[in-house]
Amino acid sequence: MYYRFSKLARIIIIINIVLTLVATIIHVYNIYRIEVTNDKIYAVMEEYFVPREAAIDILIENGEDLFIGNEFATYFGFSMSIIAQFIYYKYAKYNEGSSALLACFFGFITTIIGGLLLSYMIFSDKSEDYLMRTESKKKNDWEKSIQKHNLIK
């Protein structure tokens, strides 16, 4: 890491990690509910020899609590939460401009609050402690261009 994070930046990164962990736990619980629902549906399908839709109707008539219709959102949210954790790790370790923008993007996808906090921190120029700032030895062309235009200092 070439720059030392400010205290505000460290707090915001930790808040994002905690929020993403909470979102991941919620998605894991929903995946468990999907599995339990599918087990109930398959049991009724085998018992009555009916297709899936008819088994769902039978379970609904019996008053069963089914978790149906949110499968894509659950699996998508789970995968985005895991990817966000890796991006936050990369940003916290290397403090690069590209990983900062990726962390901000994935912060918006996983938790809106996390994305807003990260974008405030990144674009308000309060993410680095300038007393300990040293010149980066590893910069790619994209980072040099961004620093040249003063978008991210």
N, C-alpha and C. Protein backbone atom coordinates (compact mmCIF):
# COMPACT_ATOMS: atom_id res chain seq x y z
N MET A 1 0.86 -1.17 0.00
CA MET A 1 0.00 0.00 0.00
C MET A 1 0.91 1.23 0.00
N TYR A 2 0.67 2.14 -0.93
CA TYR A 2 1.52 3.30 -1.08
C TYR A 2 1.00 4.49 -0.28
N TYR A 3 -0.28 4.53 0.00
CA TYR A 3 -0.86 5.61 0.77
C TYR A 3 -1.47 5.03 2.03
N ARG A 4 -1.41 5.78 3.08
CA ARG A 4 -2.05 5.36 4.30
C ARG A 4 -3.47 5.91 4.32
N PHE A 5 -4.43 5.05 4.64
CA PHE A 5 -5.82 5.49 4.70
C PHE A 5 -6.03 6.42 5.88
N SER A 6 -6.93 7.37 5.71
CA SER A 6 -7.32 8.22 6.82
C SER A 6 -8.23 7.41 7.75
N LYS A 7 -8.50 7.97 8.92
CA LYS A 7 -9.34 7.28 9.89
C LYS A 7 -10.75 7.10 9.34
N LEU A 8 -11.27 8.13 8.66
CA LEU A 8 -12.60 8.05 8.05
C LEU A 8 -12.65 6.94 7.01
N ALA A 9 -11.61 6.82 6.20
CA ALA A 9 -11.58 5.79 5.16
C ALA A 9 -11.57 4.40 5.78
N ARG A 10 -10.78 4.21 6.82
CA ARG A 10 -10.75 2.90 7.47
C ARG A 10 -12.12 2.55 8.06
N ILE A 11 -12.78 3.52 8.68
CA ILE A 11 -14.10 3.27 9.26
C ILE A 11 -15.10 2.92 8.17
N ILE A 12 -15.07 3.63 7.05
CA ILE A 12 -16.03 3.37 5.97
C ILE A 12 -15.77 2.00 5.34
N ILE A 13 -14.51 1.62 5.18
CA ILE A 13 -14.21 0.29 4.63
C ILE A 13 -14.70 -0.80 5.58
N ILE A 14 -14.49 -0.62 6.87
CA ILE A 14 -14.97 -1.61 7.84
C ILE A 14 -16.49 -1.68 7.85
N ILE A 15 -17.16 -0.53 7.77
CA ILE A 15 -18.64 -0.53 7.70
C ILE A 15 -19.11 -1.28 6.47
N ASN A 16 -18.45 -1.07 5.32
CA ASN A 16 -18.83 -1.79 4.11
C ASN A 16 -18.62 -3.28 4.23
N ILE A 17 -17.54 -3.68 4.84
CA ILE A 17 -17.29 -5.11 5.03
C ILE A 17 -18.35 -5.73 5.92
N VAL A 18 -18.71 -5.04 7.01
CA VAL A 18 -19.73 -5.56 7.92
C VAL A 18 -21.10 -5.62 7.23
N LEU A 19 -21.46 -4.56 6.50
CA LEU A 19 -22.75 -4.56 5.78
C LEU A 19 -22.81 -5.67 4.75
N THR A 20 -21.71 -5.90 4.04
CA THR A 20 -21.69 -6.96 3.04
C THR A 20 -21.75 -8.33 3.69
N LEU A 21 -21.11 -8.50 4.83
CA LEU A 21 -21.21 -9.77 5.55
C LEU A 21 -22.65 -10.03 6.01
N VAL A 22 -23.33 -9.00 6.47
CA VAL A 22 -24.74 -9.15 6.87
C VAL A 22 -25.59 -9.54 5.65
N ALA A 23 -25.35 -8.88 4.52
CA ALA A 23 -26.09 -9.22 3.30
C ALA A 23 -25.80 -10.65 2.86
N THR A 24 -24.55 -11.08 3.00
CA THR A 24 -24.18 -12.46 2.64
C THR A 24 -24.90 -13.45 3.54
N ILE A 25 -24.97 -13.17 4.83
CA ILE A 25 -25.67 -14.07 5.76
C ILE A 25 -27.15 -14.15 5.42
N ILE A 26 -27.75 -13.04 5.07
CA ILE A 26 -29.17 -13.05 4.68
C ILE A 26 -29.37 -13.88 3.41
N HIS A 27 -28.46 -13.74 2.44
CA HIS A 27 -28.58 -14.53 1.21
C HIS A 27 -28.37 -16.02 1.47
N VAL A 28 -27.46 -16.36 2.37
CA VAL A 28 -27.25 -17.77 2.71
C VAL A 28 -28.50 -18.35 3.35
N TYR A 29 -29.16 -17.57 4.22
CA TYR A 29 -30.42 -18.04 4.83
C TYR A 29 -31.49 -18.23 3.75
N ASN A 30 -31.56 -17.31 2.80
CA ASN A 30 -32.55 -17.45 1.73
C ASN A 30 -32.24 -18.65 0.84
N ILE A 31 -30.97 -18.95 0.61
CA ILE A 31 -30.62 -20.16 -0.15
C ILE A 31 -31.07 -21.40 0.61
N TYR A 32 -30.92 -21.40 1.92
CA TYR A 32 -31.42 -22.51 2.74
C TYR A 32 -32.93 -22.64 2.58
N ARG A 33 -33.66 -21.51 2.59
CA ARG A 33 -35.11 -21.55 2.42
C ARG A 33 -35.49 -22.09 1.04
N ILE A 34 -34.72 -21.75 0.02
CA ILE A 34 -34.98 -22.28 -1.32
C ILE A 34 -34.82 -23.79 -1.33
N GLU A 35 -33.78 -24.29 -0.69
CA GLU A 35 -33.55 -25.74 -0.64
C GLU A 35 -34.67 -26.45 0.11
N VAL A 36 -35.12 -25.90 1.22
CA VAL A 36 -36.21 -26.51 1.98
C VAL A 36 -37.49 -26.52 1.16
N THR A 37 -37.77 -25.42 0.46
CA THR A 37 -38.96 -25.35 -0.39
C THR A 37 -38.90 -26.39 -1.50
N ASN A 38 -37.73 -26.53 -2.13
CA ASN A 38 -37.60 -27.52 -3.21
C ASN A 38 -37.77 -28.94 -2.68
N ASP A 39 -37.28 -29.20 -1.47
CA ASP A 39 -37.46 -30.53 -0.88
C ASP A 39 -38.95 -30.82 -0.65
N LYS A 40 -39.69 -29.83 -0.18
CA LYS A 40 -41.14 -30.00 0.02
C LYS A 40 -41.84 -30.26 -1.30
N ILE A 41 -41.47 -29.50 -2.32
CA ILE A 41 -42.11 -29.65 -3.63
C ILE A 41 -41.83 -31.03 -4.22
N TYR A 42 -40.58 -31.49 -4.14
CA TYR A 42 -40.23 -32.80 -4.68
C TYR A 42 -40.92 -33.93 -3.91
N ALA A 43 -41.10 -33.76 -2.60
CA ALA A 43 -41.80 -34.78 -1.82
C ALA A 43 -43.25 -34.91 -2.27
N VAL A 44 -43.92 -33.79 -2.52
CA VAL A 44 -45.31 -33.83 -2.99
C VAL A 44 -45.37 -34.37 -4.40
N MET A 45 -44.40 -34.02 -5.23
CA MET A 45 -44.38 -34.54 -6.59
C MET A 45 -44.27 -36.06 -6.61
N GLU A 46 -43.43 -36.61 -5.73
CA GLU A 46 -43.27 -38.07 -5.67
C GLU A 46 -44.48 -38.74 -5.04
N GLU A 47 -45.09 -38.07 -4.07
CA GLU A 47 -46.22 -38.68 -3.37
C GLU A 47 -47.47 -38.75 -4.25
N TYR A 48 -47.77 -37.65 -4.96
CA TYR A 48 -49.00 -37.60 -5.76
C TYR A 48 -48.76 -37.83 -7.25
N PHE A 49 -47.53 -37.98 -7.69
CA PHE A 49 -47.19 -38.15 -9.10
C PHE A 49 -47.76 -37.02 -9.95
N VAL A 50 -47.45 -35.78 -9.55
CA VAL A 50 -47.95 -34.59 -10.26
C VAL A 50 -46.75 -33.75 -10.70
N PRO A 51 -46.95 -32.86 -11.68
CA PRO A 51 -45.86 -31.96 -12.08
C PRO A 51 -45.59 -30.89 -11.00
N ARG A 52 -44.54 -30.16 -11.20
CA ARG A 52 -44.09 -29.19 -10.20
C ARG A 52 -45.16 -28.13 -9.89
N GLU A 53 -45.80 -27.58 -10.89
CA GLU A 53 -46.81 -26.54 -10.68
C GLU A 53 -47.98 -27.05 -9.84
N ALA A 54 -48.41 -28.28 -10.12
CA ALA A 54 -49.50 -28.86 -9.34
C ALA A 54 -49.06 -29.12 -7.90
N ALA A 55 -47.82 -29.53 -7.71
CA ALA A 55 -47.31 -29.75 -6.36
C ALA A 55 -47.26 -28.45 -5.58
N ILE A 56 -46.87 -27.36 -6.25
CA ILE A 56 -46.85 -26.05 -5.59
C ILE A 56 -48.26 -25.64 -5.19
N ASP A 57 -49.23 -25.87 -6.09
CA ASP A 57 -50.63 -25.55 -5.76
C ASP A 57 -51.13 -26.35 -4.57
N ILE A 58 -50.79 -27.62 -4.51
CA ILE A 58 -51.19 -28.48 -3.38
C ILE A 58 -50.60 -27.94 -2.08
N LEU A 59 -49.33 -27.59 -2.11
CA LEU A 59 -48.67 -27.07 -0.89
C LEU A 59 -49.28 -25.74 -0.46
N ILE A 60 -49.60 -24.87 -1.40
CA ILE A 60 -50.21 -23.59 -1.06
C ILE A 60 -51.60 -23.79 -0.46
N GLU A 61 -52.36 -24.74 -1.02
CA GLU A 61 -53.68 -25.04 -0.46
C GLU A 61 -53.60 -25.59 0.94
N ASN A 62 -52.52 -26.33 1.24
CA ASN A 62 -52.32 -26.87 2.59
C ASN A 62 -51.75 -25.84 3.56
N GLY A 63 -51.45 -24.63 3.09
CA GLY A 63 -50.97 -23.58 3.96
C GLY A 63 -49.47 -23.61 4.23
N GLU A 64 -48.71 -24.25 3.38
CA GLU A 64 -47.25 -24.32 3.56
C GLU A 64 -46.62 -22.97 3.20
N ASP A 65 -45.56 -22.64 3.91
CA ASP A 65 -44.80 -21.42 3.63
C ASP A 65 -43.71 -21.76 2.62
N LEU A 66 -43.87 -21.26 1.39
CA LEU A 66 -42.93 -21.56 0.32
C LEU A 66 -42.13 -20.31 -0.06
N PHE A 67 -40.86 -20.51 -0.36
CA PHE A 67 -39.99 -19.43 -0.81
C PHE A 67 -39.77 -19.62 -2.30
N ILE A 68 -40.67 -19.03 -3.09
CA ILE A 68 -40.65 -19.21 -4.54
C ILE A 68 -40.65 -17.83 -5.21
N GLY A 69 -39.91 -17.71 -6.28
CA GLY A 69 -39.92 -16.50 -7.07
C GLY A 69 -38.74 -15.58 -6.85
N ASN A 70 -37.94 -15.82 -5.83
CA ASN A 70 -36.80 -14.95 -5.54
C ASN A 70 -35.47 -15.68 -5.71
N GLU A 71 -35.46 -16.75 -6.45
CA GLU A 71 -34.25 -17.56 -6.57
C GLU A 71 -33.13 -16.80 -7.27
N PHE A 72 -33.43 -16.15 -8.39
CA PHE A 72 -32.40 -15.45 -9.13
C PHE A 72 -31.80 -14.32 -8.31
N ALA A 73 -32.65 -13.53 -7.67
CA ALA A 73 -32.17 -12.41 -6.85
C ALA A 73 -31.31 -12.91 -5.69
N THR A 74 -31.69 -14.03 -5.12
CA THR A 74 -30.92 -14.57 -4.00
C THR A 74 -29.54 -15.03 -4.44
N TYR A 75 -29.47 -15.81 -5.50
CA TYR A 75 -28.17 -16.29 -5.98
C TYR A 75 -27.32 -15.14 -6.53
N PHE A 76 -27.93 -14.18 -7.20
CA PHE A 76 -27.21 -13.02 -7.71
C PHE A 76 -26.66 -12.19 -6.55
N GLY A 77 -27.48 -11.95 -5.55
CA GLY A 77 -27.03 -11.18 -4.39
C GLY A 77 -25.92 -11.87 -3.64
N PHE A 78 -26.00 -13.19 -3.52
CA PHE A 78 -24.95 -13.94 -2.84
C PHE A 78 -23.63 -13.83 -3.59
N SER A 79 -23.68 -14.01 -4.91
CA SER A 79 -22.44 -13.94 -5.68
C SER A 79 -21.86 -12.52 -5.68
N MET A 80 -22.70 -11.50 -5.75
CA MET A 80 -22.20 -10.13 -5.72
C MET A 80 -21.61 -9.79 -4.36
N SER A 81 -22.17 -10.33 -3.29
CA SER A 81 -21.62 -10.09 -1.95
C SER A 81 -20.24 -10.71 -1.80
N ILE A 82 -20.07 -11.90 -2.33
CA ILE A 82 -18.77 -12.56 -2.26
C ILE A 82 -17.74 -11.80 -3.09
N ILE A 83 -18.11 -11.39 -4.29
CA ILE A 83 -17.20 -10.62 -5.15
C ILE A 83 -16.85 -9.30 -4.49
N ALA A 84 -17.83 -8.65 -3.87
CA ALA A 84 -17.58 -7.37 -3.19
C ALA A 84 -16.57 -7.52 -2.07
N GLN A 85 -16.64 -8.64 -1.33
CA GLN A 85 -15.66 -8.85 -0.26
C GLN A 85 -14.24 -8.91 -0.82
N PHE A 86 -14.05 -9.59 -1.95
CA PHE A 86 -12.73 -9.66 -2.56
C PHE A 86 -12.27 -8.29 -3.07
N ILE A 87 -13.20 -7.51 -3.63
CA ILE A 87 -12.85 -6.17 -4.12
C ILE A 87 -12.48 -5.26 -2.96
N TYR A 88 -13.21 -5.33 -1.85
CA TYR A 88 -12.87 -4.52 -0.67
C TYR A 88 -11.49 -4.89 -0.15
N TYR A 89 -11.18 -6.17 -0.16
CA TYR A 89 -9.86 -6.61 0.28
C TYR A 89 -8.77 -6.03 -0.62
N LYS A 90 -8.98 -6.09 -1.92
CA LYS A 90 -8.00 -5.56 -2.86
C LYS A 90 -7.84 -4.06 -2.68
N TYR A 91 -8.95 -3.36 -2.49
CA TYR A 91 -8.88 -1.91 -2.29
C TYR A 91 -8.17 -1.56 -0.99
N ALA A 92 -8.47 -2.29 0.07
CA ALA A 92 -7.83 -2.01 1.36
C ALA A 92 -6.34 -2.34 1.32
N LYS A 93 -5.96 -3.32 0.54
CA LYS A 93 -4.55 -3.72 0.51
C LYS A 93 -3.72 -2.83 -0.41
N TYR A 94 -4.22 -2.52 -1.60
CA TYR A 94 -3.42 -1.82 -2.59
C TYR A 94 -3.79 -0.35 -2.78
N ASN A 95 -5.00 0.06 -2.43
CA ASN A 95 -5.46 1.45 -2.54
C ASN A 95 -5.24 2.00 -3.95
N GLU A 96 -5.71 1.27 -4.95
CA GLU A 96 -5.59 1.70 -6.34
C GLU A 96 -6.87 2.39 -6.77
N GLY A 97 -6.75 3.22 -7.78
CA GLY A 97 -7.92 3.92 -8.29
C GLY A 97 -8.94 3.00 -8.91
N SER A 98 -8.47 1.99 -9.64
CA SER A 98 -9.40 1.06 -10.29
C SER A 98 -10.14 0.22 -9.25
N SER A 99 -9.43 -0.24 -8.23
CA SER A 99 -10.12 -1.02 -7.20
C SER A 99 -11.04 -0.15 -6.36
N ALA A 100 -10.73 1.15 -6.25
CA ALA A 100 -11.62 2.06 -5.53
C ALA A 100 -12.95 2.21 -6.27
N LEU A 101 -12.88 2.38 -7.57
CA LEU A 101 -14.12 2.51 -8.35
C LEU A 101 -14.90 1.20 -8.38
N LEU A 102 -14.19 0.07 -8.48
CA LEU A 102 -14.87 -1.23 -8.42
C LEU A 102 -15.53 -1.43 -7.06
N ALA A 103 -14.84 -1.06 -5.99
CA ALA A 103 -15.42 -1.18 -4.66
C ALA A 103 -16.66 -0.31 -4.52
N CYS A 104 -16.61 0.87 -5.09
CA CYS A 104 -17.77 1.77 -5.06
C CYS A 104 -18.94 1.15 -5.84
N PHE A 105 -18.66 0.60 -7.02
CA PHE A 105 -19.70 -0.02 -7.84
C PHE A 105 -20.33 -1.21 -7.13
N PHE A 106 -19.50 -2.10 -6.60
CA PHE A 106 -20.03 -3.27 -5.91
C PHE A 106 -20.68 -2.88 -4.57
N GLY A 107 -20.24 -1.78 -4.01
CA GLY A 107 -20.92 -1.27 -2.81
C GLY A 107 -22.35 -0.86 -3.12
N PHE A 108 -22.56 -0.25 -4.30
CA PHE A 108 -23.92 0.11 -4.70
C PHE A 108 -24.76 -1.12 -4.99
N ILE A 109 -24.16 -2.16 -5.56
CA ILE A 109 -24.91 -3.37 -5.88
C ILE A 109 -25.32 -4.13 -4.61
N THR A 110 -24.39 -4.27 -3.67
CA THR A 110 -24.69 -5.08 -2.49
C THR A 110 -25.50 -4.31 -1.47
N THR A 111 -25.05 -3.12 -1.10
CA THR A 111 -25.79 -2.29 -0.14
C THR A 111 -25.68 -0.85 -0.61
N ILE A 112 -26.79 -0.21 -0.81
CA ILE A 112 -26.80 1.18 -1.29
C ILE A 112 -26.04 2.09 -0.33
N ILE A 113 -26.21 1.86 0.96
CA ILE A 113 -25.55 2.70 1.97
C ILE A 113 -24.04 2.58 1.83
N GLY A 114 -23.54 1.37 1.65
CA GLY A 114 -22.11 1.17 1.48
C GLY A 114 -21.57 1.86 0.25
N GLY A 115 -22.32 1.81 -0.85
CA GLY A 115 -21.89 2.48 -2.06
C GLY A 115 -21.86 3.99 -1.92
N LEU A 116 -22.85 4.54 -1.22
CA LEU A 116 -22.87 5.98 -0.99
C LEU A 116 -21.71 6.42 -0.11
N LEU A 117 -21.43 5.65 0.94
CA LEU A 117 -20.31 5.99 1.82
C LEU A 117 -18.98 5.92 1.08
N LEU A 118 -18.80 4.87 0.29
CA LEU A 118 -17.55 4.74 -0.46
C LEU A 118 -17.39 5.84 -1.50
N SER A 119 -18.45 6.17 -2.22
CA SER A 119 -18.33 7.22 -3.22
C SER A 119 -18.06 8.57 -2.57
N TYR A 120 -18.66 8.83 -1.41
CA TYR A 120 -18.36 10.07 -0.69
C TYR A 120 -16.88 10.12 -0.31
N MET A 121 -16.40 9.02 0.23
CA MET A 121 -15.02 8.98 0.68
C MET A 121 -14.05 9.12 -0.49
N ILE A 122 -14.31 8.43 -1.58
CA ILE A 122 -13.38 8.43 -2.71
C ILE A 122 -13.35 9.79 -3.41
N PHE A 123 -14.51 10.38 -3.65
CA PHE A 123 -14.56 11.60 -4.43
C PHE A 123 -14.46 12.87 -3.58
N SER A 124 -14.43 12.75 -2.26
CA SER A 124 -14.28 13.95 -1.42
C SER A 124 -12.84 14.20 -1.04
N ASP A 125 -11.93 13.37 -1.49
CA ASP A 125 -10.51 13.54 -1.23
C ASP A 125 -10.18 13.40 0.26
N LYS A 126 -10.95 12.57 0.97
CA LYS A 126 -10.71 12.34 2.39
C LYS A 126 -10.29 10.89 2.65
N SER A 127 -9.83 10.22 1.62
CA SER A 127 -9.53 8.81 1.79
C SER A 127 -8.08 8.55 2.20
N GLU A 128 -7.20 9.52 2.03
CA GLU A 128 -5.80 9.27 2.31
C GLU A 128 -5.26 10.24 3.34
N ASP A 129 -4.32 9.78 4.10
CA ASP A 129 -3.62 10.61 5.07
C ASP A 129 -2.43 11.23 4.35
N TYR A 130 -2.50 12.52 4.07
CA TYR A 130 -1.48 13.15 3.24
C TYR A 130 -0.16 13.38 3.96
N LEU A 131 -0.14 13.23 5.27
CA LEU A 131 1.13 13.36 5.98
C LEU A 131 2.06 12.19 5.68
N MET A 132 1.48 11.04 5.43
CA MET A 132 2.28 9.84 5.16
C MET A 132 2.33 9.49 3.68
N ARG A 133 1.94 10.39 2.82
CA ARG A 133 1.84 10.09 1.39
C ARG A 133 3.23 10.01 0.75
N THR A 134 3.43 8.98 -0.02
CA THR A 134 4.65 8.83 -0.80
C THR A 134 4.25 8.58 -2.24
N GLU A 135 5.12 8.82 -3.12
CA GLU A 135 4.82 8.65 -4.53
C GLU A 135 4.76 7.17 -4.88
N SER A 136 3.77 6.80 -5.64
CA SER A 136 3.57 5.41 -6.03
C SER A 136 4.60 5.02 -7.09
N LYS A 137 5.16 3.85 -6.92
CA LYS A 137 6.10 3.34 -7.91
C LYS A 137 5.40 2.53 -8.99
N LYS A 138 4.24 1.99 -8.65
CA LYS A 138 3.50 1.16 -9.59
C LYS A 138 2.22 1.89 -9.99
N LYS A 139 2.22 2.51 -11.13
CA LYS A 139 1.03 3.16 -11.64
C LYS A 139 0.84 2.72 -13.08
N ASN A 140 -0.38 2.38 -13.39
CA ASN A 140 -0.64 2.07 -14.78
C ASN A 140 -1.08 3.36 -15.49
N ASP A 141 -1.27 3.28 -16.79
CA ASP A 141 -1.60 4.47 -17.57
C ASP A 141 -2.93 5.08 -17.15
N TRP A 142 -3.87 4.22 -16.77
CA TRP A 142 -5.19 4.71 -16.38
C TRP A 142 -5.07 5.55 -15.10
N GLU A 143 -4.32 5.08 -14.11
CA GLU A 143 -4.16 5.83 -12.87
C GLU A 143 -3.42 7.14 -13.08
N LYS A 144 -2.41 7.12 -13.96
CA LYS A 144 -1.69 8.36 -14.26
C LYS A 144 -2.62 9.38 -14.91
N SER A 145 -3.48 8.92 -15.80
CA SER A 145 -4.43 9.81 -16.47
C SER A 145 -5.42 10.41 -15.48
N ILE A 146 -5.94 9.58 -14.57
CA ILE A 146 -6.89 10.06 -13.57
C ILE A 146 -6.22 11.08 -12.66
N GLN A 147 -5.01 10.82 -12.21
CA GLN A 147 -4.31 11.76 -11.34
C GLN A 147 -3.95 13.04 -12.08
N LYS A 148 -3.68 12.92 -13.36
CA LYS A 148 -3.35 14.10 -14.16
C LYS A 148 -4.56 15.03 -14.26
N HIS A 149 -5.74 14.46 -14.35
CA HIS A 149 -6.96 15.26 -14.46
C HIS A 149 -7.55 15.60 -13.10
N ASN A 150 -6.87 15.23 -12.01
CA ASN A 150 -7.28 15.55 -10.64
C ASN A 150 -8.65 14.99 -10.27
N LEU A 151 -9.02 13.85 -10.82
CA LEU A 151 -10.27 13.22 -10.42
C LEU A 151 -10.09 12.47 -9.13
N ILE A 152 -8.97 11.76 -9.00
CA ILE A 152 -8.65 11.07 -7.76
C ILE A 152 -7.21 11.43 -7.43
N LYS A 153 -7.00 12.00 -6.28
CA LYS A 153 -5.64 12.41 -5.90
C LYS A 153 -4.97 11.34 -5.15
